Amino acid sequence: MTDRRIDTLTDLPADTAQAVLDLIAGAAAADGQPAVSEQGRLHVRGGGREGVRHLLLYSGDELAGYGQIEESDPVEAPAAEFVVRPEHRLHGHGRALGDTLLAATGRRLRVWAHGGHPAARHLSVLLGLKLFRELRQLRMPLDGPLPEPVLPEGVTVRAFRPGQDDADWLALNAAAFAHHPEQGSLTQRDLADRMAEPWFDPAGFFLAFRGSALVGFHWTKVHADLGLGEVYVVGVAPTEQGNGLGRALTTIGLRHLAARGLPGVLLYVDADNPAALSVYERLGFSTYEVDLMYRSET
């Protein structure tokens, strides 16, 4: 059997980072879904990050697998994602990465199975992990009429201004997602990383103001490879929730994406958020696929 080793790093050299990104892309082409999220891929590209560790699995001299641990949630167990190069599967590499991830986190771990990949689900069970979160990807065609947005009285909307609105947006994002650390803990560096991505377009990043106070936003995204738009994130200040601002901002973003000629749009929402699911279903969204998260019992 080929020698297997797993190296753990907190910062990836540029050539290694590119090799990891190539592995992730190759596996996504075979599986139809990236095993490592956008946030995880940004961690690969972005140099050393506090609380992030990279696991590199080599079979001989070839990079055959990759795992990532992120410890940003102050309450929950560390989150992990991992992937094995398709031609190196069925050799125990996934189990080896999973065991190493568990050992590295003191057996306190949450693991994503993006797209509910059968192999990832099976491996999670073998590792003794239990399903506890379901994240749904919803999609909607943009070939029909969209409603006119109805903003609450006194609210105006304009596009995001990079370098000018950063601090206000980060503050509102933290307040709007205070109980959702994955989103609410974004930093200036996280924002800068996303603004440096090829897909970033401030014209599709809508900010809502009441007077001079930022009270809501809808950040849209275009997936050039899919030919689809995305409701990337919608946030509303706690003081404005329940007054229709979220729905109005969502509609503004959808109309923007439709005006670009995109045939459809996607978004992600937790299955245990029935209120949001109901809003999106009334707009015309339906479930396309599901991401599953498993966690250890300890």
Protein backbone atom coordinates (compact mmCIF):
# COMPACT_ATOMS: atom_id res chain seq x y z
CA MET A 1 0.00 0.00 0.00
CA THR A 2 1.21 3.53 -0.81
CA ASP A 3 2.51 5.44 2.19
CA ARG A 4 -0.01 7.88 3.62
CA ARG A 5 0.76 10.88 5.77
CA ILE A 6 -1.26 13.84 7.01
CA ASP A 7 0.39 17.21 7.60
CA THR A 8 -1.33 19.95 9.62
CA LEU A 9 -0.58 23.59 8.81
CA THR A 10 -1.97 26.95 9.95
CA ASP A 11 -0.79 28.76 6.82
CA LEU A 12 -0.50 27.38 3.30
CA PRO A 13 2.32 28.37 0.91
CA ALA A 14 0.97 29.75 -2.36
CA ASP A 15 1.81 26.64 -4.39
CA THR A 16 0.22 24.35 -1.82
CA ALA A 17 -2.89 26.53 -1.64
CA GLN A 18 -3.25 26.30 -5.41
CA ALA A 19 -2.82 22.52 -5.29
CA VAL A 20 -5.61 22.34 -2.68
CA LEU A 21 -7.91 24.54 -4.77
CA ASP A 22 -7.21 22.37 -7.82
CA LEU A 23 -8.08 19.26 -5.79
CA ILE A 24 -11.34 20.83 -4.59
CA ALA A 25 -12.26 21.90 -8.13
CA GLY A 26 -11.48 18.45 -9.57
CA ALA A 27 -13.58 16.73 -6.95
CA ALA A 28 -16.44 19.21 -7.51
CA ALA A 29 -16.39 18.46 -11.24
CA ALA A 30 -16.76 14.76 -10.45
CA ASP A 31 -19.35 15.15 -7.68
CA GLY A 32 -21.38 18.06 -9.03
CA GLN A 33 -20.94 19.99 -5.78
CA PRO A 34 -17.87 21.47 -4.00
CA ALA A 35 -17.03 19.58 -0.81
CA VAL A 36 -15.48 22.76 0.62
CA SER A 37 -17.63 25.88 0.96
CA GLU A 38 -16.87 29.35 -0.35
CA GLN A 39 -15.73 30.37 3.14
CA GLY A 40 -13.42 27.37 3.28
CA ARG A 41 -11.94 28.15 -0.13
CA LEU A 42 -11.33 31.75 0.96
CA HIS A 43 -9.44 30.40 3.97
CA VAL A 44 -7.27 28.37 1.58
CA ARG A 45 -6.45 31.42 -0.54
CA GLY A 46 -6.24 33.98 2.22
CA GLY A 47 -3.13 32.98 4.16
CA GLY A 48 -3.05 32.25 7.88
CA ARG A 49 -6.31 32.74 9.76
CA GLU A 50 -6.81 32.58 13.52
CA GLY A 51 -8.67 29.41 14.42
CA VAL A 52 -8.17 27.75 11.02
CA ARG A 53 -6.09 24.62 10.43
CA HIS A 54 -5.41 22.81 7.17
CA LEU A 55 -4.91 19.05 6.93
CA LEU A 56 -3.04 17.80 3.87
CA LEU A 57 -3.25 14.07 3.15
CA TYR A 58 -0.53 12.70 0.89
CA SER A 59 -0.48 9.32 -0.79
CA GLY A 60 3.17 8.94 -1.60
CA ASP A 61 4.12 12.35 -2.99
CA GLU A 62 0.65 13.20 -4.31
CA LEU A 63 -1.86 15.40 -2.51
CA ALA A 64 -4.79 13.00 -2.25
CA GLY A 65 -7.01 14.69 0.32
CA TYR A 66 -7.65 17.90 2.19
CA GLY A 67 -9.40 18.82 5.42
CA GLN A 68 -10.05 22.11 7.18
CA ILE A 69 -10.94 22.92 10.78
CA GLU A 70 -12.47 26.27 11.70
CA GLU A 71 -12.96 27.29 15.33
CA SER A 72 -14.84 30.59 15.00
CA ASP A 73 -18.00 29.70 16.90
CA PRO A 74 -17.61 30.55 20.61
CA VAL A 75 -20.25 27.99 21.63
CA GLU A 76 -20.42 25.18 19.10
CA ALA A 77 -17.78 22.56 18.37
CA PRO A 78 -15.21 23.29 15.62
CA ALA A 79 -16.57 22.95 12.07
CA ALA A 80 -14.80 20.87 9.44
CA GLU A 81 -14.94 20.10 5.74
CA PHE A 82 -12.86 17.55 3.89
CA VAL A 83 -12.47 16.01 0.47
CA VAL A 84 -10.57 13.17 -1.19
CA ARG A 85 -9.38 13.28 -4.78
CA PRO A 86 -11.78 11.06 -6.79
CA GLU A 87 -9.10 8.71 -8.11
CA HIS A 88 -7.84 8.14 -4.54
CA ARG A 89 -11.18 7.18 -3.02
CA LEU A 90 -12.01 3.75 -1.56
CA HIS A 91 -8.55 3.49 -0.01
CA GLY A 92 -9.42 4.63 3.51
CA HIS A 93 -8.20 8.21 3.04
CA GLY A 94 -11.55 9.75 3.98
CA ARG A 95 -11.68 7.73 7.19
CA ALA A 96 -8.07 8.71 7.96
CA LEU A 97 -8.88 12.40 7.50
CA GLY A 98 -12.02 12.07 9.61
CA ASP A 99 -10.19 10.32 12.44
CA THR A 100 -7.48 12.99 12.36
CA LEU A 101 -10.06 15.78 12.47
CA LEU A 102 -11.73 14.19 15.49
CA ALA A 103 -8.42 13.72 17.28
CA ALA A 104 -7.36 17.31 16.53
CA THR A 105 -10.54 18.72 18.09
CA GLY A 106 -10.77 16.49 21.14
CA ARG A 107 -13.64 14.63 19.45
CA ARG A 108 -15.78 17.82 19.47
CA LEU A 109 -16.56 18.27 15.81
CA ARG A 110 -19.18 19.36 13.27
CA VAL A 111 -18.77 18.14 9.68
CA TRP A 112 -20.49 19.30 6.50
CA ALA A 113 -21.72 16.89 3.82
CA HIS A 114 -22.41 19.38 1.02
CA GLY A 115 -25.14 18.25 -1.31
CA GLY A 116 -25.80 15.35 1.05
CA HIS A 117 -23.12 13.34 -0.79
CA PRO A 118 -23.78 9.64 0.00
CA ALA A 119 -20.12 8.87 0.72
CA ALA A 120 -19.86 11.82 3.11
CA ARG A 121 -23.05 10.77 4.87
CA HIS A 122 -21.80 7.18 5.20
CA LEU A 123 -18.43 8.31 6.52
CA SER A 124 -20.06 10.62 9.07
CA VAL A 125 -21.97 7.64 10.46
CA LEU A 126 -18.78 5.54 10.57
CA LEU A 127 -17.11 8.32 12.56
CA GLY A 128 -19.96 8.24 15.08
CA LEU A 129 -21.41 11.62 14.10
CA LYS A 130 -25.12 12.44 14.26
CA LEU A 131 -27.14 14.59 11.85
CA PHE A 132 -28.19 17.88 13.44
CA ARG A 133 -28.49 20.56 10.75
CA GLU A 134 -30.03 20.71 7.29
CA LEU A 135 -29.24 23.63 5.00
CA ARG A 136 -31.45 23.81 1.92
CA GLN A 137 -30.53 25.32 -1.41
CA LEU A 138 -33.63 26.83 -2.98
CA ARG A 139 -33.91 27.91 -6.61
CA MET A 140 -36.36 29.98 -8.60
CA PRO A 141 -36.61 30.82 -12.32
CA LEU A 142 -36.42 34.49 -13.24
CA ASP A 143 -38.47 34.23 -16.41
CA GLY A 144 -41.70 35.55 -14.91
CA PRO A 145 -42.92 38.87 -13.51
CA LEU A 146 -41.59 39.96 -10.13
CA PRO A 147 -43.53 42.09 -7.64
CA GLU A 148 -42.72 45.75 -7.11
CA PRO A 149 -40.76 46.27 -3.88
CA VAL A 150 -42.70 48.06 -1.14
CA LEU A 151 -40.29 49.74 1.26
CA PRO A 152 -41.36 50.80 4.75
CA GLU A 153 -42.09 54.50 4.99
CA GLY A 154 -38.97 56.60 5.48
CA VAL A 155 -36.53 53.96 4.13
CA THR A 156 -34.33 54.59 1.09
CA VAL A 157 -32.00 52.23 -0.79
CA ARG A 158 -28.70 52.73 -2.58
CA ALA A 159 -25.70 50.62 -3.63
CA PHE A 160 -22.79 49.74 -1.35
CA ARG A 161 -19.72 52.00 -1.53
CA PRO A 162 -16.51 49.99 -0.94
CA GLY A 163 -14.22 51.67 1.56
CA GLN A 164 -16.97 53.98 2.80
CA ASP A 165 -19.71 51.63 3.99
CA ASP A 166 -17.52 48.80 5.28
CA ALA A 167 -17.64 49.59 9.01
CA ASP A 168 -21.37 50.36 9.08
CA TRP A 169 -22.16 47.19 7.14
CA LEU A 170 -20.02 45.01 9.44
CA ALA A 171 -21.78 46.47 12.49
CA LEU A 172 -25.23 45.85 11.03
CA ASN A 173 -24.28 42.36 9.87
CA ALA A 174 -23.14 41.51 13.40
CA ALA A 175 -26.39 42.82 14.89
CA ALA A 176 -28.64 41.16 12.32
CA PHE A 177 -26.89 37.80 12.73
CA ALA A 178 -26.07 37.92 16.44
CA HIS A 179 -27.39 34.37 16.84
CA HIS A 180 -25.73 33.07 13.66
CA PRO A 181 -21.95 33.20 14.27
CA GLU A 182 -20.99 31.88 10.82
CA GLN A 183 -22.38 35.06 9.29
CA GLY A 184 -22.39 37.50 12.20
CA SER A 185 -18.68 37.10 13.00
CA LEU A 186 -17.45 38.36 9.62
CA THR A 187 -14.52 40.77 9.91
CA GLN A 188 -13.06 43.50 7.72
CA ARG A 189 -10.67 40.93 6.33
CA ASP A 190 -13.55 38.61 5.46
CA LEU A 191 -15.32 41.47 3.70
CA ALA A 192 -12.14 42.46 1.85
CA ASP A 193 -11.64 38.86 0.70
CA ARG A 194 -15.11 38.80 -0.81
CA MET A 195 -14.70 42.21 -2.45
CA ALA A 196 -11.52 40.90 -4.07
CA GLU A 197 -13.40 37.99 -5.66
CA PRO A 198 -14.15 38.20 -9.42
CA TRP A 199 -17.89 37.98 -8.78
CA PHE A 200 -18.07 41.03 -6.51
CA ASP A 201 -20.17 43.87 -7.92
CA PRO A 202 -21.15 46.75 -5.62
CA ALA A 203 -24.04 47.56 -7.97
CA GLY A 204 -25.69 44.36 -6.73
CA PHE A 205 -25.06 45.08 -3.03
CA PHE A 206 -28.08 47.06 -1.80
CA LEU A 207 -28.15 49.07 1.44
CA ALA A 208 -31.31 50.38 3.12
CA PHE A 209 -31.23 53.52 5.26
CA ARG A 210 -33.61 55.19 7.65
CA GLY A 211 -32.23 58.70 7.64
CA SER A 212 -28.48 58.21 7.98
CA ALA A 213 -28.76 54.87 9.80
CA LEU A 214 -28.08 51.67 7.90
CA VAL A 215 -30.99 49.34 8.69
CA GLY A 216 -30.87 46.58 6.09
CA PHE A 217 -29.06 45.09 3.11
CA HIS A 218 -29.30 42.57 0.31
CA TRP A 219 -26.01 41.37 -1.15
CA THR A 220 -26.49 39.55 -4.44
CA LYS A 221 -23.98 37.37 -6.26
CA VAL A 222 -23.66 36.02 -9.80
CA HIS A 223 -22.32 32.51 -10.40
CA ALA A 224 -20.78 32.86 -13.86
CA ASP A 225 -20.11 29.11 -14.08
CA LEU A 226 -23.76 28.25 -13.34
CA GLY A 227 -25.33 31.22 -15.11
CA LEU A 228 -27.34 31.88 -11.95
CA GLY A 229 -27.77 34.69 -9.49
CA GLU A 230 -27.79 34.26 -5.74
CA VAL A 231 -29.53 35.90 -2.83
CA TYR A 232 -26.14 35.89 -1.10
CA VAL A 233 -27.26 37.38 2.19
CA VAL A 234 -30.17 39.53 3.38
CA GLY A 235 -29.93 41.24 6.75
CA VAL A 236 -32.25 43.57 8.65
CA ALA A 237 -31.60 45.53 11.83
CA PRO A 238 -33.42 44.06 14.85
CA THR A 239 -35.39 47.31 15.19
CA GLU A 240 -36.75 46.93 11.63
CA GLN A 241 -37.65 43.25 11.62
CA GLY A 242 -41.25 42.39 10.88
CA ASN A 243 -42.06 45.54 8.88
CA GLY A 244 -41.56 44.10 5.39
CA LEU A 245 -38.06 45.49 4.81
CA GLY A 246 -36.52 42.06 4.31
CA ARG A 247 -39.06 41.13 1.65
CA ALA A 248 -38.64 44.48 -0.11
CA LEU A 249 -34.86 44.14 -0.18
CA THR A 250 -35.14 40.57 -1.44
CA THR A 251 -37.40 41.74 -4.27
CA ILE A 252 -35.03 44.58 -5.19
CA GLY A 253 -32.18 42.09 -5.52
CA LEU A 254 -34.24 39.64 -7.54
CA ARG A 255 -35.27 42.36 -9.97
CA HIS A 256 -31.61 43.39 -10.31
CA LEU A 257 -30.57 39.82 -11.15
CA ALA A 258 -33.44 39.41 -13.60
CA ALA A 259 -32.43 42.67 -15.33
CA ARG A 260 -29.01 41.14 -15.95
CA GLY A 261 -30.68 38.45 -18.02
CA LEU A 262 -30.03 35.60 -15.62
CA PRO A 263 -32.45 32.68 -16.01
CA GLY A 264 -32.63 31.79 -12.33
CA VAL A 265 -31.53 32.47 -8.78
CA LEU A 266 -30.52 30.38 -5.78
CA LEU A 267 -30.25 30.92 -2.04
CA TYR A 268 -29.52 28.95 1.13
CA VAL A 269 -31.76 28.71 4.18
CA ASP A 270 -31.81 26.47 7.25
CA ALA A 271 -34.58 23.86 7.28
CA ASP A 272 -35.43 24.84 10.88
CA ASN A 273 -36.29 28.41 9.81
CA PRO A 274 -39.92 27.93 8.72
CA ALA A 275 -40.63 31.66 8.58
CA ALA A 276 -37.88 32.27 6.01
CA LEU A 277 -38.82 29.15 4.07
CA SER A 278 -42.41 30.36 3.89
CA VAL A 279 -41.37 33.80 2.60
CA TYR A 280 -39.16 32.32 -0.11
CA GLU A 281 -41.69 29.69 -1.15
CA ARG A 282 -44.32 32.42 -1.57
CA LEU A 283 -41.89 34.24 -3.85
CA GLY A 284 -41.60 31.09 -5.99
CA PHE A 285 -38.54 29.30 -4.62
CA SER A 286 -38.43 25.52 -4.20
CA THR A 287 -35.84 23.11 -2.76
CA TYR A 288 -33.08 22.11 -5.21
CA GLU A 289 -30.63 20.25 -2.96
CA VAL A 290 -29.67 19.87 0.70
CA ASP A 291 -26.42 20.26 2.66
CA LEU A 292 -26.20 18.22 5.86
CA MET A 293 -24.12 18.88 8.97
CA TYR A 294 -23.18 16.14 11.41
CA ARG A 295 -21.65 16.51 14.86
CA SER A 296 -20.09 14.42 17.56
CA GLU A 297 -22.02 13.60 20.71
CA THR A 298 -19.24 14.72 23.08
